[in-house]
């Protein structure tokens, strides 16, 4: 789900486009295959959901939008994002808070 890299962390995400609001709704899967489940308000049309996820992750982690990069899953619900300048500890702590709401 979260892996430390030399540039920051990678975050495995399972997107739910077309939701009522954009929010972290939990974790799906377990172990190495676990993904953060994020409901996103934007529809999965013309990259709108991907753009909304980038904006949401940047706001959630308090980092500039330009430091969030979609590495894989452009056309899939399963995606991997690179969050530059975020540590694994920061990501785990923040996501732990968000998934327990």
N, C-alpha and C. Protein backbone atom coordinates (compact mmCIF):
# COMPACT_ATOMS: atom_id res chain seq x y z
N UNK A 1 0.82 -1.19 0.00
CA UNK A 1 0.00 0.00 0.00
C UNK A 1 0.87 1.26 0.00
N UNK A 2 1.81 1.34 0.95
CA UNK A 2 2.72 2.48 1.03
C UNK A 2 4.14 1.92 1.00
N UNK A 3 4.94 2.45 0.09
CA UNK A 3 6.34 2.01 -0.02
C UNK A 3 7.25 3.23 -0.09
N UNK A 4 8.31 3.21 0.70
CA UNK A 4 9.29 4.29 0.68
C UNK A 4 10.15 4.15 -0.58
N UNK A 5 10.42 5.27 -1.25
CA UNK A 5 11.35 5.31 -2.38
C UNK A 5 12.35 6.42 -2.10
N UNK A 6 13.33 6.57 -2.97
CA UNK A 6 14.31 7.64 -2.77
C UNK A 6 13.69 9.01 -2.96
N UNK A 7 12.57 9.10 -3.70
CA UNK A 7 11.93 10.39 -3.98
C UNK A 7 10.78 10.72 -3.04
N UNK A 8 10.29 9.75 -2.30
CA UNK A 8 9.14 9.95 -1.43
C UNK A 8 8.50 8.61 -1.14
N UNK A 9 7.18 8.51 -1.33
CA UNK A 9 6.49 7.24 -1.14
C UNK A 9 5.59 6.96 -2.34
N UNK A 10 5.38 5.68 -2.60
CA UNK A 10 4.36 5.29 -3.56
C UNK A 10 3.15 4.84 -2.77
N UNK A 11 1.98 5.15 -3.29
CA UNK A 11 0.72 4.85 -2.62
C UNK A 11 -0.18 4.12 -3.59
N UNK A 12 -0.58 2.89 -3.22
CA UNK A 12 -1.51 2.11 -4.03
C UNK A 12 -2.93 2.55 -3.66
N UNK A 13 -3.70 2.91 -4.68
CA UNK A 13 -5.05 3.45 -4.48
C UNK A 13 -6.06 2.64 -5.28
N UNK A 14 -7.21 2.41 -4.68
CA UNK A 14 -8.36 1.83 -5.38
C UNK A 14 -9.39 2.95 -5.48
N UNK A 15 -9.63 3.44 -6.69
CA UNK A 15 -10.53 4.58 -6.91
C UNK A 15 -11.97 4.14 -7.07
N UNK A 16 -12.88 4.95 -6.54
CA UNK A 16 -14.32 4.77 -6.71
C UNK A 16 -14.86 6.05 -7.32
N UNK A 17 -14.81 6.20 -8.64
CA UNK A 17 -15.29 7.44 -9.26
C UNK A 17 -16.81 7.56 -9.20
N UNK A 18 -17.28 8.81 -9.32
CA UNK A 18 -18.72 9.08 -9.34
C UNK A 18 -19.36 9.05 -7.97
N UNK A 19 -18.59 9.22 -6.91
CA UNK A 19 -19.13 9.20 -5.54
C UNK A 19 -19.77 10.55 -5.20
N UNK A 20 -20.50 10.59 -4.08
CA UNK A 20 -21.13 11.84 -3.64
C UNK A 20 -20.10 12.87 -3.21
N UNK A 21 -19.00 12.41 -2.60
CA UNK A 21 -17.92 13.32 -2.21
C UNK A 21 -16.59 12.58 -2.27
N UNK A 22 -15.51 13.33 -2.36
CA UNK A 22 -14.18 12.76 -2.42
C UNK A 22 -13.66 12.58 -1.00
N UNK A 23 -13.29 11.33 -0.67
CA UNK A 23 -12.81 11.04 0.68
C UNK A 23 -12.15 9.67 0.72
N UNK A 24 -11.27 9.47 1.70
CA UNK A 24 -10.72 8.15 1.97
C UNK A 24 -11.82 7.36 2.66
N UNK A 25 -12.13 6.18 2.12
CA UNK A 25 -13.23 5.40 2.69
C UNK A 25 -12.76 4.09 3.33
N UNK A 26 -11.47 3.80 3.25
CA UNK A 26 -10.98 2.60 3.90
C UNK A 26 -9.80 2.00 3.17
N UNK A 27 -9.58 0.72 3.46
CA UNK A 27 -8.49 -0.03 2.85
C UNK A 27 -9.10 -1.31 2.29
N UNK A 28 -8.71 -1.67 1.08
CA UNK A 28 -9.17 -2.94 0.53
C UNK A 28 -7.96 -3.84 0.30
N UNK A 29 -8.15 -5.12 0.47
CA UNK A 29 -7.06 -6.07 0.36
C UNK A 29 -6.22 -6.09 1.62
N UNK A 30 -5.22 -6.92 1.62
CA UNK A 30 -4.34 -6.99 2.78
C UNK A 30 -2.92 -7.31 2.35
N UNK A 31 -2.00 -7.08 3.25
CA UNK A 31 -0.60 -7.34 2.96
C UNK A 31 -0.07 -6.46 1.85
N UNK A 32 0.77 -7.04 1.00
CA UNK A 32 1.39 -6.29 -0.09
C UNK A 32 0.39 -5.84 -1.14
N UNK A 33 -0.79 -6.49 -1.19
CA UNK A 33 -1.80 -6.14 -2.19
C UNK A 33 -2.81 -5.11 -1.68
N UNK A 34 -2.62 -4.61 -0.46
CA UNK A 34 -3.56 -3.64 0.11
C UNK A 34 -3.53 -2.33 -0.66
N UNK A 35 -4.70 -1.70 -0.75
CA UNK A 35 -4.83 -0.42 -1.43
C UNK A 35 -5.69 0.50 -0.57
N UNK A 36 -5.39 1.80 -0.61
CA UNK A 36 -6.22 2.79 0.05
C UNK A 36 -7.41 3.02 -0.87
N UNK A 37 -8.61 2.88 -0.33
CA UNK A 37 -9.82 3.06 -1.12
C UNK A 37 -10.25 4.52 -1.00
N UNK A 38 -10.31 5.21 -2.15
CA UNK A 38 -10.70 6.62 -2.16
C UNK A 38 -11.90 6.80 -3.08
N UNK A 39 -12.99 7.30 -2.51
CA UNK A 39 -14.16 7.67 -3.29
C UNK A 39 -13.86 9.05 -3.89
N UNK A 40 -14.12 9.19 -5.17
CA UNK A 40 -13.84 10.46 -5.84
C UNK A 40 -15.10 10.93 -6.56
N UNK A 41 -15.42 12.20 -6.37
CA UNK A 41 -16.65 12.76 -6.90
C UNK A 41 -16.65 12.85 -8.43
N UNK A 42 -15.52 13.07 -9.02
CA UNK A 42 -15.42 13.23 -10.47
C UNK A 42 -15.72 11.93 -11.20
N UNK A 43 -16.29 12.04 -12.40
CA UNK A 43 -16.56 10.84 -13.20
C UNK A 43 -15.28 10.33 -13.86
N UNK A 44 -15.26 9.04 -14.24
CA UNK A 44 -14.07 8.48 -14.88
C UNK A 44 -14.03 8.79 -16.38
N UNK A 45 -14.17 10.04 -16.73
CA UNK A 45 -14.23 10.48 -18.12
C UNK A 45 -13.10 11.46 -18.38
N UNK A 46 -12.34 11.23 -19.45
CA UNK A 46 -11.29 12.14 -19.90
C UNK A 46 -10.30 12.51 -18.81
N UNK A 47 -9.98 11.57 -17.93
CA UNK A 47 -8.99 11.80 -16.90
C UNK A 47 -9.45 12.66 -15.73
N UNK A 48 -10.73 12.97 -15.66
CA UNK A 48 -11.22 13.84 -14.57
C UNK A 48 -11.05 13.21 -13.20
N UNK A 49 -11.31 11.91 -13.09
CA UNK A 49 -11.16 11.24 -11.79
C UNK A 49 -9.68 11.22 -11.38
N UNK A 50 -8.79 10.98 -12.32
CA UNK A 50 -7.35 10.98 -12.01
C UNK A 50 -6.92 12.37 -11.53
N UNK A 51 -7.38 13.41 -12.20
CA UNK A 51 -7.05 14.78 -11.83
C UNK A 51 -7.58 15.10 -10.43
N UNK A 52 -8.80 14.65 -10.16
CA UNK A 52 -9.39 14.88 -8.84
C UNK A 52 -8.60 14.14 -7.75
N UNK A 53 -8.13 12.93 -8.06
CA UNK A 53 -7.32 12.18 -7.09
C UNK A 53 -5.99 12.88 -6.82
N UNK A 54 -5.34 13.39 -7.85
CA UNK A 54 -4.08 14.13 -7.67
C UNK A 54 -4.33 15.33 -6.76
N UNK A 55 -5.38 16.10 -7.04
CA UNK A 55 -5.70 17.27 -6.23
C UNK A 55 -6.01 16.89 -4.78
N UNK A 56 -6.78 15.81 -4.60
CA UNK A 56 -7.14 15.35 -3.26
C UNK A 56 -5.92 14.89 -2.48
N UNK A 57 -5.05 14.12 -3.10
CA UNK A 57 -3.85 13.64 -2.41
C UNK A 57 -2.93 14.80 -2.04
N UNK A 58 -2.78 15.77 -2.94
CA UNK A 58 -1.95 16.94 -2.64
C UNK A 58 -2.51 17.70 -1.44
N UNK A 59 -3.82 17.91 -1.42
CA UNK A 59 -4.45 18.62 -0.29
C UNK A 59 -4.35 17.81 1.00
N UNK A 60 -4.57 16.51 0.91
CA UNK A 60 -4.53 15.64 2.08
C UNK A 60 -3.16 15.62 2.73
N UNK A 61 -2.12 15.55 1.91
CA UNK A 61 -0.76 15.47 2.44
C UNK A 61 -0.10 16.84 2.59
N UNK A 62 -0.80 17.90 2.19
CA UNK A 62 -0.25 19.25 2.33
C UNK A 62 0.99 19.49 1.50
N UNK A 63 0.98 18.94 0.28
CA UNK A 63 2.12 19.09 -0.62
C UNK A 63 1.64 19.74 -1.91
N UNK A 64 2.54 20.37 -2.67
CA UNK A 64 2.13 20.96 -3.95
C UNK A 64 1.62 19.90 -4.91
N UNK A 65 0.65 20.27 -5.69
CA UNK A 65 0.05 19.38 -6.67
C UNK A 65 1.09 18.78 -7.61
N UNK A 66 2.10 19.55 -7.95
CA UNK A 66 3.14 19.11 -8.88
C UNK A 66 4.00 17.99 -8.30
N UNK A 67 3.92 17.74 -6.99
CA UNK A 67 4.72 16.69 -6.37
C UNK A 67 3.96 15.36 -6.28
N UNK A 68 2.75 15.32 -6.83
CA UNK A 68 1.96 14.09 -6.87
C UNK A 68 1.94 13.61 -8.32
N UNK A 69 2.40 12.38 -8.55
CA UNK A 69 2.48 11.85 -9.91
C UNK A 69 1.78 10.49 -9.99
N UNK A 70 0.93 10.34 -10.98
CA UNK A 70 0.28 9.06 -11.25
C UNK A 70 1.26 8.19 -12.02
N UNK A 71 1.77 7.13 -11.37
CA UNK A 71 2.76 6.26 -12.00
C UNK A 71 2.13 5.18 -12.87
N UNK A 72 1.01 4.62 -12.41
CA UNK A 72 0.36 3.56 -13.18
C UNK A 72 -1.13 3.53 -12.88
N UNK A 73 -1.89 2.97 -13.82
CA UNK A 73 -3.32 2.81 -13.63
C UNK A 73 -4.16 3.94 -14.20
N UNK A 74 -3.67 4.60 -15.22
CA UNK A 74 -4.40 5.72 -15.80
C UNK A 74 -5.83 5.34 -16.20
N UNK A 75 -6.04 4.14 -16.68
CA UNK A 75 -7.36 3.71 -17.15
C UNK A 75 -7.98 2.63 -16.25
N UNK A 76 -7.42 2.45 -15.08
CA UNK A 76 -7.86 1.40 -14.16
C UNK A 76 -8.33 2.02 -12.85
N UNK A 77 -9.11 1.27 -12.09
CA UNK A 77 -9.47 1.73 -10.74
C UNK A 77 -8.30 1.56 -9.78
N UNK A 78 -7.42 0.61 -10.08
CA UNK A 78 -6.22 0.39 -9.26
C UNK A 78 -5.10 1.27 -9.80
N UNK A 79 -4.57 2.14 -8.94
CA UNK A 79 -3.58 3.12 -9.36
C UNK A 79 -2.41 3.15 -8.38
N UNK A 80 -1.28 3.65 -8.84
CA UNK A 80 -0.14 3.87 -7.96
C UNK A 80 0.32 5.31 -8.17
N UNK A 81 0.38 6.05 -7.05
CA UNK A 81 0.83 7.44 -7.08
C UNK A 81 2.17 7.57 -6.39
N UNK A 82 3.01 8.49 -6.88
CA UNK A 82 4.24 8.87 -6.21
C UNK A 82 3.98 10.19 -5.51
N UNK A 83 4.24 10.22 -4.20
CA UNK A 83 4.10 11.45 -3.42
C UNK A 83 5.51 11.87 -3.02
N UNK A 84 6.02 12.87 -3.71
CA UNK A 84 7.39 13.33 -3.45
C UNK A 84 7.44 14.08 -2.12
N UNK A 85 8.54 13.95 -1.45
CA UNK A 85 8.83 14.63 -0.17
C UNK A 85 7.92 14.21 0.98
N UNK A 86 7.26 13.07 0.86
CA UNK A 86 6.46 12.51 1.95
C UNK A 86 7.18 11.26 2.43
N UNK A 87 7.27 11.09 3.75
CA UNK A 87 7.91 9.90 4.28
C UNK A 87 6.86 8.81 4.51
N UNK A 88 7.34 7.59 4.62
CA UNK A 88 6.45 6.46 4.87
C UNK A 88 5.72 6.64 6.20
N UNK A 89 6.42 7.15 7.20
CA UNK A 89 5.80 7.36 8.52
C UNK A 89 4.69 8.40 8.44
N UNK A 90 4.93 9.50 7.73
CA UNK A 90 3.91 10.55 7.57
C UNK A 90 2.68 9.99 6.86
N UNK A 91 2.90 9.24 5.80
CA UNK A 91 1.79 8.68 5.02
C UNK A 91 0.98 7.71 5.86
N UNK A 92 1.65 6.83 6.58
CA UNK A 92 0.94 5.85 7.41
C UNK A 92 0.14 6.54 8.50
N UNK A 93 0.74 7.53 9.17
CA UNK A 93 0.05 8.23 10.25
C UNK A 93 -1.18 8.96 9.72
N UNK A 94 -1.04 9.66 8.61
CA UNK A 94 -2.15 10.43 8.06
C UNK A 94 -3.25 9.51 7.56
N UNK A 95 -2.90 8.44 6.87
CA UNK A 95 -3.91 7.53 6.35
C UNK A 95 -4.57 6.74 7.47
N UNK A 96 -3.85 6.46 8.53
CA UNK A 96 -4.45 5.77 9.68
C UNK A 96 -5.55 6.62 10.29
N UNK A 97 -5.31 7.91 10.40
CA UNK A 97 -6.31 8.85 10.92
C UNK A 97 -7.52 8.90 9.98
N UNK A 98 -7.27 9.00 8.68
CA UNK A 98 -8.34 9.13 7.69
C UNK A 98 -9.21 7.87 7.58
N UNK A 99 -8.61 6.70 7.71
CA UNK A 99 -9.39 5.46 7.54
C UNK A 99 -10.18 5.09 8.78
N UNK A 100 -9.88 5.72 9.90
CA UNK A 100 -10.62 5.40 11.14
C UNK A 100 -11.77 6.35 11.40
N UNK A 101 -12.01 7.32 10.53
CA UNK A 101 -13.14 8.25 10.70
C UNK A 101 -14.43 7.59 10.38
